[in-house]
């Protein structure tokens, strides 16, 4: 299965999440699993799914040819983090707001 090109609006979310999380966009797209990168990636999954209404499979393919189950796991983690970490809720709220604005 080949990596699909990252849709411009999803790429804009990656860039915004990177800037707000103090990580590099390339790290979000990589296989790095350290907590700051994973949290930013979970936020992008959340914004892509709930804000851009992309499928889990489309998000998985565009963000480094991942399996859709990886995105399912990330969305579950994002929901849990939104409930327990105010900074993560703020991050995902910013990404959702950006999906309604012109990216």
PDB file of N, CA and C in Angstrom:
ATOM      1  N   UNK A   1       0.857  -1.169   0.000  1.00  0.00           N
ATOM      2  CA  UNK A   1       0.000   0.000   0.000  1.00  0.00           C
ATOM      3  C   UNK A   1       0.906   1.235   0.000  1.00  0.00           C
ATOM      4  N   UNK A   2       0.711   2.126  -0.930  1.00  0.00           N
ATOM      5  CA  UNK A   2       1.547   3.305  -1.066  1.00  0.00           C
ATOM      6  C   UNK A   2       1.004   4.456  -0.232  1.00  0.00           C
ATOM      7  N   UNK A   3       1.935   5.317   0.209  1.00  0.00           N
ATOM      8  CA  UNK A   3       1.543   6.502   0.954  1.00  0.00           C
ATOM      9  C   UNK A   3       0.788   7.440   0.025  1.00  0.00           C
ATOM     10  N   UNK A   4      -0.379   7.865   0.446  1.00  0.00           N
ATOM     11  CA  UNK A   4      -1.157   8.829  -0.336  1.00  0.00           C
ATOM     12  C   UNK A   4      -0.593  10.213  -0.075  1.00  0.00           C
ATOM     13  N   UNK A   5      -0.687  11.110  -1.049  1.00  0.00           N
ATOM     14  CA  UNK A   5      -0.245  12.475  -0.782  1.00  0.00           C
ATOM     15  C   UNK A   5      -1.080  13.075   0.344  1.00  0.00           C
ATOM     16  N   UNK A   6      -0.435  13.844   1.180  1.00  0.00           N
ATOM     17  CA  UNK A   6      -1.133  14.473   2.299  1.00  0.00           C
ATOM     18  C   UNK A   6      -1.995  15.617   1.760  1.00  0.00           C
ATOM     19  N   UNK A   7      -3.314  15.556   1.965  1.00  0.00           N
ATOM     20  CA  UNK A   7      -4.172  16.655   1.484  1.00  0.00           C
ATOM     21  C   UNK A   7      -3.719  17.981   2.092  1.00  0.00           C
ATOM     22  N   UNK A   8      -3.767  19.058   1.329  1.00  0.00           N
ATOM     23  CA  UNK A   8      -3.261  20.344   1.824  1.00  0.00           C
ATOM     24  C   UNK A   8      -3.869  20.783   3.162  1.00  0.00           C
ATOM     25  N   UNK A   9      -5.148  20.556   3.360  1.00  0.00           N
ATOM     26  CA  UNK A   9      -5.761  20.980   4.626  1.00  0.00           C
ATOM     27  C   UNK A   9      -5.271  20.131   5.789  1.00  0.00           C
ATOM     28  N   UNK A  10      -5.015  18.838   5.556  1.00  0.00           N
ATOM     29  CA  UNK A  10      -4.463  18.000   6.605  1.00  0.00           C
ATOM     30  C   UNK A  10      -3.021  18.394   6.879  1.00  0.00           C
ATOM     31  N   UNK A  11      -2.279  18.704   5.833  1.00  0.00           N
ATOM     32  CA  UNK A  11      -0.888  19.154   6.012  1.00  0.00           C
ATOM     33  C   UNK A  11      -0.859  20.452   6.812  1.00  0.00           C
ATOM     34  N   UNK A  12      -1.825  21.341   6.583  1.00  0.00           N
ATOM     35  CA  UNK A  12      -1.898  22.578   7.359  1.00  0.00           C
ATOM     36  C   UNK A  12      -2.134  22.264   8.835  1.00  0.00           C
ATOM     37  N   UNK A  13      -2.933  21.246   9.135  1.00  0.00           N
ATOM     38  CA  UNK A  13      -3.137  20.844  10.533  1.00  0.00           C
ATOM     39  C   UNK A  13      -1.849  20.286  11.132  1.00  0.00           C
ATOM     40  N   UNK A  14      -1.101  19.521  10.352  1.00  0.00           N
ATOM     41  CA  UNK A  14       0.184  19.000  10.821  1.00  0.00           C
ATOM     42  C   UNK A  14       1.100  20.165  11.179  1.00  0.00           C
ATOM     43  N   UNK A  15       1.185  21.156  10.292  1.00  0.00           N
ATOM     44  CA  UNK A  15       2.053  22.304  10.536  1.00  0.00           C
ATOM     45  C   UNK A  15       1.613  23.093  11.760  1.00  0.00           C
ATOM     46  N   UNK A  16       0.304  23.281  11.916  1.00  0.00           N
ATOM     47  CA  UNK A  16      -0.211  24.021  13.065  1.00  0.00           C
ATOM     48  C   UNK A  16       0.027  23.247  14.354  1.00  0.00           C
ATOM     49  N   UNK A  17      -0.240  21.959  14.351  1.00  0.00           N
ATOM     50  CA  UNK A  17      -0.007  21.138  15.543  1.00  0.00           C
ATOM     51  C   UNK A  17       1.471  21.145  15.921  1.00  0.00           C
ATOM     52  N   UNK A  18       2.338  21.082  14.927  1.00  0.00           N
ATOM     53  CA  UNK A  18       3.776  21.121  15.195  1.00  0.00           C
ATOM     54  C   UNK A  18       4.163  22.442  15.861  1.00  0.00           C
ATOM     55  N   UNK A  19       3.670  23.540  15.316  1.00  0.00           N
ATOM     56  CA  UNK A  19       4.007  24.850  15.874  1.00  0.00           C
ATOM     57  C   UNK A  19       3.481  24.995  17.302  1.00  0.00           C
ATOM     58  N   UNK A  20       2.267  24.536  17.547  1.00  0.00           N
ATOM     59  CA  UNK A  20       1.666  24.674  18.870  1.00  0.00           C
ATOM     60  C   UNK A  20       2.236  23.684  19.888  1.00  0.00           C
ATOM     61  N   UNK A  21       2.820  22.600  19.405  1.00  0.00           N
ATOM     62  CA  UNK A  21       3.351  21.557  20.289  1.00  0.00           C
ATOM     63  C   UNK A  21       4.865  21.615  20.441  1.00  0.00           C
ATOM     64  N   UNK A  22       5.488  22.545  19.727  1.00  0.00           N
ATOM     65  CA  UNK A  22       6.943  22.687  19.778  1.00  0.00           C
ATOM     66  C   UNK A  22       7.667  21.421  19.311  1.00  0.00           C
ATOM     67  N   UNK A  23       7.145  20.813  18.244  1.00  0.00           N
ATOM     68  CA  UNK A  23       7.813  19.702  17.571  1.00  0.00           C
ATOM     69  C   UNK A  23       7.893  20.055  16.088  1.00  0.00           C
ATOM     70  N   UNK A  24       8.630  19.280  15.342  1.00  0.00           N
ATOM     71  CA  UNK A  24       8.751  19.502  13.906  1.00  0.00           C
ATOM     72  C   UNK A  24       7.635  18.754  13.171  1.00  0.00           C
ATOM     73  N   UNK A  25       7.144  19.331  12.092  1.00  0.00           N
ATOM     74  CA  UNK A  25       6.114  18.666  11.293  1.00  0.00           C
ATOM     75  C   UNK A  25       6.611  17.304  10.809  1.00  0.00           C
ATOM     76  N   UNK A  26       7.858  17.232  10.440  1.00  0.00           N
ATOM     77  CA  UNK A  26       8.431  15.967   9.994  1.00  0.00           C
ATOM     78  C   UNK A  26       8.403  14.891  11.065  1.00  0.00           C
ATOM     79  N   UNK A  27       8.507  15.299  12.326  1.00  0.00           N
ATOM     80  CA  UNK A  27       8.422  14.331  13.415  1.00  0.00           C
ATOM     81  C   UNK A  27       7.013  13.740  13.515  1.00  0.00           C
ATOM     82  N   UNK A  28       5.993  14.575  13.307  1.00  0.00           N
ATOM     83  CA  UNK A  28       4.614  14.093  13.344  1.00  0.00           C
ATOM     84  C   UNK A  28       4.391  13.063  12.244  1.00  0.00           C
ATOM     85  N   UNK A  29       4.998  13.291  11.099  1.00  0.00           N
ATOM     86  CA  UNK A  29       4.851  12.386   9.962  1.00  0.00           C
ATOM     87  C   UNK A  29       5.751  11.158  10.052  1.00  0.00           C
ATOM     88  N   UNK A  30       6.695  11.181  10.995  1.00  0.00           N
ATOM     89  CA  UNK A  30       7.646  10.078  11.134  1.00  0.00           C
ATOM     90  C   UNK A  30       7.073   8.975  12.017  1.00  0.00           C
ATOM     91  N   UNK A  31       7.906   7.990  12.319  1.00  0.00           N
ATOM     92  CA  UNK A  31       7.518   6.894  13.204  1.00  0.00           C
ATOM     93  C   UNK A  31       7.929   7.138  14.651  1.00  0.00           C
ATOM     94  N   UNK A  32       8.399   8.336  14.969  1.00  0.00           N
ATOM     95  CA  UNK A  32       8.806   8.628  16.344  1.00  0.00           C
ATOM     96  C   UNK A  32       7.638   8.440  17.297  1.00  0.00           C
ATOM     97  N   UNK A  33       7.945   7.905  18.482  1.00  0.00           N
ATOM     98  CA  UNK A  33       6.887   7.588  19.438  1.00  0.00           C
ATOM     99  C   UNK A  33       7.048   8.317  20.765  1.00  0.00           C
ATOM    100  N   UNK A  34       7.969   9.266  20.855  1.00  0.00           N
ATOM    101  CA  UNK A  34       8.118   9.986  22.123  1.00  0.00           C
ATOM    102  C   UNK A  34       6.832  10.780  22.398  1.00  0.00           C
ATOM    103  N   UNK A  35       6.554  11.007  23.663  1.00  0.00           N
ATOM    104  CA  UNK A  35       5.264  11.568  24.081  1.00  0.00           C
ATOM    105  C   UNK A  35       4.891  12.874  23.383  1.00  0.00           C
ATOM    106  N   UNK A  36       5.769  13.876  23.290  1.00  0.00           N
ATOM    107  CA  UNK A  36       5.340  15.126  22.647  1.00  0.00           C
ATOM    108  C   UNK A  36       4.942  14.945  21.177  1.00  0.00           C
ATOM    109  N   UNK A  37       5.673  14.086  20.473  1.00  0.00           N
ATOM    110  CA  UNK A  37       5.371  13.837  19.058  1.00  0.00           C
ATOM    111  C   UNK A  37       4.078  13.039  18.927  1.00  0.00           C
ATOM    112  N   UNK A  38       3.930  12.006  19.748  1.00  0.00           N
ATOM    113  CA  UNK A  38       2.715  11.186  19.695  1.00  0.00           C
ATOM    114  C   UNK A  38       1.482  12.020  20.021  1.00  0.00           C
ATOM    115  N   UNK A  39       1.576  12.892  21.025  1.00  0.00           N
ATOM    116  CA  UNK A  39       0.432  13.737  21.389  1.00  0.00           C
ATOM    117  C   UNK A  39       0.055  14.676  20.241  1.00  0.00           C
ATOM    118  N   UNK A  40       1.057  15.247  19.584  1.00  0.00           N
ATOM    119  CA  UNK A  40       0.777  16.122  18.444  1.00  0.00           C
ATOM    120  C   UNK A  40       0.128  15.321  17.319  1.00  0.00           C
ATOM    121  N   UNK A  41       0.618  14.105  17.087  1.00  0.00           N
ATOM    122  CA  UNK A  41       0.051  13.240  16.051  1.00  0.00           C
ATOM    123  C   UNK A  41      -1.399  12.881  16.393  1.00  0.00           C
ATOM    124  N   UNK A  42      -1.676  12.560  17.671  1.00  0.00           N
ATOM    125  CA  UNK A  42      -3.045  12.257  18.086  1.00  0.00           C
ATOM    126  C   UNK A  42      -3.955  13.461  17.845  1.00  0.00           C
ATOM    127  N   UNK A  43      -3.435  14.650  18.091  1.00  0.00           N
ATOM    128  CA  UNK A  43      -4.225  15.867  17.870  1.00  0.00           C
ATOM    129  C   UNK A  43      -4.538  16.040  16.381  1.00  0.00           C
ATOM    130  N   UNK A  44      -3.580  15.720  15.518  1.00  0.00           N
ATOM    131  CA  UNK A  44      -3.817  15.809  14.077  1.00  0.00           C
ATOM    132  C   UNK A  44      -4.865  14.775  13.651  1.00  0.00           C
ATOM    133  N   UNK A  45      -4.772  13.562  14.188  1.00  0.00           N
ATOM    134  CA  UNK A  45      -5.802  12.559  13.892  1.00  0.00           C
ATOM    135  C   UNK A  45      -7.174  13.109  14.269  1.00  0.00           C
ATOM    136  N   UNK A  46      -7.257  13.702  15.465  1.00  0.00           N
ATOM    137  CA  UNK A  46      -8.526  14.229  15.965  1.00  0.00           C
ATOM    138  C   UNK A  46      -9.047  15.339  15.048  1.00  0.00           C
ATOM    139  N   UNK A  47      -8.180  16.273  14.679  1.00  0.00           N
ATOM    140  CA  UNK A  47      -8.586  17.365  13.797  1.00  0.00           C
ATOM    141  C   UNK A  47      -8.963  16.894  12.409  1.00  0.00           C
ATOM    142  N   UNK A  48      -8.216  15.935  11.894  1.00  0.00           N
ATOM    143  CA  UNK A  48      -8.523  15.410  10.564  1.00  0.00           C
ATOM    144  C   UNK A  48      -9.845  14.658  10.527  1.00  0.00           C
ATOM    145  N   UNK A  49     -10.118  13.929  11.597  1.00  0.00           N
ATOM    146  CA  UNK A  49     -11.344  13.124  11.639  1.00  0.00           C
ATOM    147  C   UNK A  49     -12.572  13.964  11.994  1.00  0.00           C
ATOM    148  N   UNK A  50     -12.464  14.757  13.046  1.00  0.00           N
ATOM    149  CA  UNK A  50     -13.622  15.514  13.531  1.00  0.00           C
ATOM    150  C   UNK A  50     -13.783  16.882  12.875  1.00  0.00           C
ATOM    151  N   UNK A  51     -12.712  17.419  12.340  1.00  0.00           N
ATOM    152  CA  UNK A  51     -12.784  18.746  11.736  1.00  0.00           C
ATOM    153  C   UNK A  51     -12.836  18.731  10.218  1.00  0.00           C
ATOM    154  N   UNK A  52     -12.017  17.865   9.625  1.00  0.00           N
ATOM    155  CA  UNK A  52     -11.981  17.772   8.157  1.00  0.00           C
ATOM    156  C   UNK A  52     -12.848  16.636   7.632  1.00  0.00           C
ATOM    157  N   UNK A  53     -13.344  15.804   8.527  1.00  0.00           N
ATOM    158  CA  UNK A  53     -14.229  14.686   8.189  1.00  0.00           C
ATOM    159  C   UNK A  53     -13.574  13.695   7.220  1.00  0.00           C
ATOM    160  N   UNK A  54     -12.273  13.493   7.411  1.00  0.00           N
ATOM    161  CA  UNK A  54     -11.555  12.487   6.632  1.00  0.00           C
ATOM    162  C   UNK A  54     -11.777  11.122   7.267  1.00  0.00           C
ATOM    163  N   UNK A  55     -11.692  10.085   6.456  1.00  0.00           N
ATOM    164  CA  UNK A  55     -11.808   8.738   7.007  1.00  0.00           C
ATOM    165  C   UNK A  55     -10.527   8.376   7.746  1.00  0.00           C
ATOM    166  N   UNK A  56     -10.648   7.400   8.617  1.00  0.00           N
ATOM    167  CA  UNK A  56      -9.471   6.928   9.346  1.00  0.00           C
ATOM    168  C   UNK A  56      -8.428   6.378   8.382  1.00  0.00           C
ATOM    169  N   UNK A  57      -8.893   5.691   7.352  1.00  0.00           N
ATOM    170  CA  UNK A  57      -7.975   5.138   6.359  1.00  0.00           C
ATOM    171  C   UNK A  57      -7.258   6.244   5.603  1.00  0.00           C
ATOM    172  N   UNK A  58      -7.976   7.298   5.219  1.00  0.00           N
ATOM    173  CA  UNK A  58      -7.352   8.411   4.498  1.00  0.00           C
ATOM    174  C   UNK A  58      -6.307   9.103   5.364  1.00  0.00           C
ATOM    175  N   UNK A  59      -6.615   9.285   6.637  1.00  0.00           N
ATOM    176  CA  UNK A  59      -5.656   9.906   7.557  1.00  0.00           C
ATOM    177  C   UNK A  59      -4.429   9.014   7.687  1.00  0.00           C
ATOM    178  N   UNK A  60      -4.660   7.725   7.872  1.00  0.00           N
ATOM    179  CA  UNK A  60      -3.553   6.781   8.040  1.00  0.00           C
ATOM    180  C   UNK A  60      -2.621   6.785   6.834  1.00  0.00           C
ATOM    181  N   UNK A  61      -3.183   6.753   5.653  1.00  0.00           N
ATOM    182  CA  UNK A  61      -2.357   6.725   4.435  1.00  0.00           C
ATOM    183  C   UNK A  61      -1.604   8.033   4.237  1.00  0.00           C
ATOM    184  N   UNK A  62      -2.262   9.148   4.513  1.00  0.00           N
ATOM    185  CA  UNK A  62      -1.641  10.451   4.278  1.00  0.00           C
ATOM    186  C   UNK A  62      -0.547  10.775   5.293  1.00  0.00           C
ATOM    187  N   UNK A  63      -0.647  10.214   6.485  1.00  0.00           N
ATOM    188  CA  UNK A  63       0.334  10.519   7.530  1.00  0.00           C
ATOM    189  C   UNK A  63       1.335   9.382   7.710  1.00  0.00           C
ATOM    190  N   UNK A  64       1.903   8.954   6.635  1.00  0.00           N
ATOM    191  CA  UNK A  64       3.003   8.003   6.709  1.00  0.00           C
ATOM    192  C   UNK A  64       2.648   6.558   6.477  1.00  0.00           C
ATOM    193  N   UNK A  65       1.593   6.304   5.728  1.00  0.00           N
ATOM    194  CA  UNK A  65       1.207   4.947   5.359  1.00  0.00           C
ATOM    195  C   UNK A  65       1.026   4.053   6.583  1.00  0.00           C
ATOM    196  N   UNK A  66       0.296   4.587   7.565  1.00  0.00           N
ATOM    197  CA  UNK A  66      -0.016   3.818   8.760  1.00  0.00           C
ATOM    198  C   UNK A  66      -1.249   2.958   8.501  1.00  0.00           C
ATOM    199  N   UNK A  67      -1.477   2.017   9.393  1.00  0.00           N
ATOM    200  CA  UNK A  67      -2.685   1.210   9.348  1.00  0.00           C
ATOM    201  C   UNK A  67      -3.824   2.027   9.953  1.00  0.00           C
ATOM    202  N   UNK A  68      -5.045   1.811   9.481  1.00  0.00           N
ATOM    203  CA  UNK A  68      -6.169   2.590  10.019  1.00  0.00           C
ATOM    204  C   UNK A  68      -6.380   2.311  11.504  1.00  0.00           C
ATOM    205  N   UNK A  69      -5.985   1.112  11.971  1.00  0.00           N
ATOM    206  CA  UNK A  69      -6.110   0.790  13.392  1.00  0.00           C
ATOM    207  C   UNK A  69      -5.210   1.685  14.246  1.00  0.00           C
ATOM    208  N   UNK A  70      -4.109   2.144  13.688  1.00  0.00           N
ATOM    209  CA  UNK A  70      -3.243   3.085  14.392  1.00  0.00           C
ATOM    210  C   UNK A  70      -3.991   4.387  14.633  1.00  0.00           C
ATOM    211  N   UNK A  71      -4.742   4.832  13.638  1.00  0.00           N
ATOM    212  CA  UNK A  71      -5.527   6.057  13.782  1.00  0.00           C
ATOM    213  C   UNK A  71      -6.669   5.835  14.773  1.00  0.00           C
ATOM    214  N   UNK A  72      -7.291   4.677  14.737  1.00  0.00           N
ATOM    215  CA  UNK A  72      -8.349   4.365  15.707  1.00  0.00           C
ATOM    216  C   UNK A  72      -7.789   4.474  17.127  1.00  0.00           C
ATOM    217  N   UNK A  73      -6.630   3.887  17.370  1.00  0.00           N
ATOM    218  CA  UNK A  73      -5.983   3.964  18.682  1.00  0.00           C
ATOM    219  C   UNK A  73      -5.678   5.420  19.040  1.00  0.00           C
ATOM    220  N   UNK A  74      -5.135   6.165  18.081  1.00  0.00           N
ATOM    221  CA  UNK A  74      -4.806   7.564  18.331  1.00  0.00           C
ATOM    222  C   UNK A  74      -6.030   8.410  18.648  1.00  0.00           C
ATOM    223  N   UNK A  75      -7.136   8.128  17.990  1.00  0.00           N
ATOM    224  CA  UNK A  75      -8.374   8.858  18.285  1.00  0.00           C
ATOM    225  C   UNK A  75      -8.877   8.536  19.689  1.00  0.00           C
ATOM    226  N   UNK A  76      -8.742   7.287  20.101  1.00  0.00           N
ATOM    227  CA  UNK A  76      -9.127   6.925  21.482  1.00  0.00           C
ATOM    228  C   UNK A  76      -8.247   7.647  22.493  1.00  0.00           C
ATOM    229  N   UNK A  77      -6.962   7.687  22.214  1.00  0.00           N
ATOM    230  CA  UNK A  77      -6.036   8.402  23.106  1.00  0.00           C
ATOM    231  C   UNK A  77      -6.354   9.889  23.121  1.00  0.00           C
ATOM    232  N   UNK A  78      -6.691  10.457  21.965  1.00  0.00           N
ATOM    233  CA  UNK A  78      -7.030  11.877  21.897  1.00  0.00           C
ATOM    234  C   UNK A  78      -8.262  12.173  22.749  1.00  0.00           C
ATOM    235  N   UNK A  79      -9.271  11.326  22.670  1.00  0.00           N
ATOM    236  CA  UNK A  79     -10.476  11.524  23.484  1.00  0.00           C
ATOM    237  C   UNK A  79     -10.131  11.475  24.971  1.00  0.00           C
ATOM    238  N   UNK A  80      -9.304  10.516  25.357  1.00  0.00           N
ATOM    239  CA  UNK A  80      -8.905  10.401  26.760  1.00  0.00           C
ATOM    240  C   UNK A  80      -8.098  11.628  27.193  1.00  0.00           C
ATOM    241  N   UNK A  81      -7.192  12.066  26.358  1.00  0.00           N
ATOM    242  CA  UNK A  81      -6.374  13.236  26.692  1.00  0.00           C
ATOM    243  C   UNK A  81      -7.205  14.508  26.759  1.00  0.00           C
ATOM    244  N   UNK A  82      -8.203  14.615  25.892  1.00  0.00           N
ATOM    245  CA  UNK A  82      -9.073  15.797  25.949  1.00  0.00           C
ATOM    246  C   UNK A  82      -9.791  15.879  27.296  1.00  0.00           C
ATOM    247  N   UNK A  83     -10.065  14.733  27.898  1.00  0.00           N
ATOM    248  CA  UNK A  83     -10.741  14.708  29.183  1.00  0.00           C
ATOM    249  C   UNK A  83      -9.829  14.900  30.375  1.00  0.00           C
ATOM    250  N   UNK A  84      -8.538  14.639  30.190  1.00  0.00           N
ATOM    251  CA  UNK A  84      -7.626  14.673  31.337  1.00  0.00           C
ATOM    252  C   UNK A  84      -6.530  15.724  31.266  1.00  0.00           C
ATOM    253  N   UNK A  85      -6.269  16.266  30.091  1.00  0.00           N
ATOM    254  CA  UNK A  85      -5.164  17.216  29.933  1.00  0.00           C
ATOM    255  C   UNK A  85      -5.672  18.512  29.293  1.00  0.00           C
ATOM    256  N   UNK A  86      -5.843  19.570  30.095  1.00  0.00           N
ATOM    257  CA  UNK A  86      -6.369  20.826  29.546  1.00  0.00           C
ATOM    258  C   UNK A  86      -5.542  21.385  28.387  1.00  0.00           C
ATOM    259  N   UNK A  87      -4.217  21.200  28.425  1.00  0.00           N
ATOM    260  CA  UNK A  87      -3.387  21.701  27.326  1.00  0.00           C
ATOM    261  C   UNK A  87      -3.679  20.955  26.025  1.00  0.00           C
ATOM    262  N   UNK A  88      -3.964  19.656  26.137  1.00  0.00           N
ATOM    263  CA  UNK A  88      -4.291  18.891  24.933  1.00  0.00           C
ATOM    264  C   UNK A  88      -5.661  19.295  24.401  1.00  0.00           C
ATOM    265  N   UNK A  89      -6.619  19.540  25.299  1.00  0.00           N
ATOM    266  CA  UNK A  89      -7.938  20.010  24.862  1.00  0.00           C
ATOM    267  C   UNK A  89      -7.787  21.343  24.121  1.00  0.00           C
ATOM    268  N   UNK A  90      -6.965  22.228  24.651  1.00  0.00           N
ATOM    269  CA  UNK A  90      -6.739  23.518  23.997  1.00  0.00           C
ATOM    270  C   UNK A  90      -6.129  23.320  22.611  1.00  0.00           C
ATOM    271  N   UNK A  91      -5.153  22.412  22.509  1.00  0.00           N
ATOM    272  CA  UNK A  91      -4.528  22.117  21.215  1.00  0.00           C
ATOM    273  C   UNK A  91      -5.557  21.613  20.210  1.00  0.00           C
ATOM    274  N   UNK A  92      -6.363  20.644  20.610  1.00  0.00           N
ATOM    275  CA  UNK A  92      -7.339  20.091  19.673  1.00  0.00           C
ATOM    276  C   UNK A  92      -8.443  21.100  19.354  1.00  0.00           C
ATOM    277  N   UNK A  93      -8.810  21.924  20.321  1.00  0.00           N
ATOM    278  CA  UNK A  93      -9.790  22.985  20.044  1.00  0.00           C
ATOM    279  C   UNK A  93      -9.240  23.964  19.003  1.00  0.00           C
ATOM    280  N   UNK A  94      -7.959  24.289  19.102  1.00  0.00           N
ATOM    281  CA  UNK A  94      -7.333  25.179  18.105  1.00  0.00           C
ATOM    282  C   UNK A  94      -7.336  24.542  16.719  1.00  0.00           C
ATOM    283  N   UNK A  95      -7.044  23.248  16.669  1.00  0.00           N
ATOM    284  CA  UNK A  95      -7.035  22.562  15.370  1.00  0.00           C
ATOM    285  C   UNK A  95      -8.444  22.507  14.786  1.00  0.00           C
ATOM    286  N   UNK A  96      -9.429  22.244  15.628  1.00  0.00           N
ATOM    287  CA  UNK A  96     -10.815  22.224  15.134  1.00  0.00           C
ATOM    288  C   UNK A  96     -11.234  23.605  14.648  1.00  0.00           C
ATOM    289  N   UNK A  97     -10.847  24.644  15.369  1.00  0.00           N
ATOM    290  CA  UNK A  97     -11.181  26.005  14.935  1.00  0.00           C
ATOM    291  C   UNK A  97     -10.514  26.319  13.606  1.00  0.00           C
ATOM    292  N   UNK A  98      -9.301  25.810  13.425  1.00  0.00           N
ATOM    293  CA  UNK A  98      -8.591  26.057  12.163  1.00  0.00           C
ATOM    294  C   UNK A  98      -9.265  25.365  10.983  1.00  0.00           C
ATOM    295  N   UNK A  99      -9.964  24.262  11.246  1.00  0.00           N
ATOM    296  CA  UNK A  99     -10.630  23.573  10.141  1.00  0.00           C
ATOM    297  C   UNK A  99     -11.827  24.361   9.622  1.00  0.00           C
ATOM    298  N   UNK A 100     -12.391  25.223  10.468  1.00  0.00           N
ATOM    299  CA  UNK A 100     -13.519  26.042  10.019  1.00  0.00           C
ATOM    300  C   UNK A 100     -13.051  27.352   9.419  1.00  0.00           C
ATOM    301  N   UNK A 101     -11.798  27.728   9.704  1.00  0.00           N
ATOM    302  CA  UNK A 101     -11.226  28.938   9.123  1.00  0.00           C
ATOM    303  C   UNK A 101     -10.520  28.554   7.815  1.00  0.00           C
ATOM    304  N   UNK A 102     -10.102  29.529   7.096  1.00  0.00           N
ATOM    305  CA  UNK A 102      -9.348  29.284   5.858  1.00  0.00           C
ATOM    306  C   UNK A 102      -7.937  28.897   6.229  1.00  0.00           C
ATOM    307  N   UNK A 103      -7.536  27.653   5.965  1.00  0.00           N
ATOM    308  CA  UNK A 103      -6.176  27.200   6.281  1.00  0.00           C
ATOM    309  C   UNK A 103      -5.225  27.592   5.186  1.00  0.00           C
TER     310      UNK A 103
END
